[in-house]
Amino acid sequence: EEVMERYRRDFATKAYKDELETIKAVYIFEQKQLHDIFDVLSLSGCKLLDVGCGPTVHNVFSAARRINDIVLSDFLPANRLEVEKW
């Protein structure tokens, strides 16, 4: 309970998003890997659940070309609010 409450209280959603933008090489590598994975899979009619998506939607960009039903979820209300802005 204490760890959960501390995480909920102290996680800096905006700082996390800003930090992601500073590590472009990691982002590009990650997106290429996800693209390669989703490009070869046959996923017609499948659903995707991203658990712990954080305040971003970039993890599912590659999947969106192949999967029509994508659900993003996160523990923190602030992160879910950022995702809902999309």
Foldseek 3Di string as FASTA:
>chain_A
DVVLVCCQPPPDQVVVVVVVVVCVVVLVVLLVVLLVVQVPDQQVPHEEEAEAPGLDDSNCPNVVVRDVHYHYDYDHPVSVVSVVVD
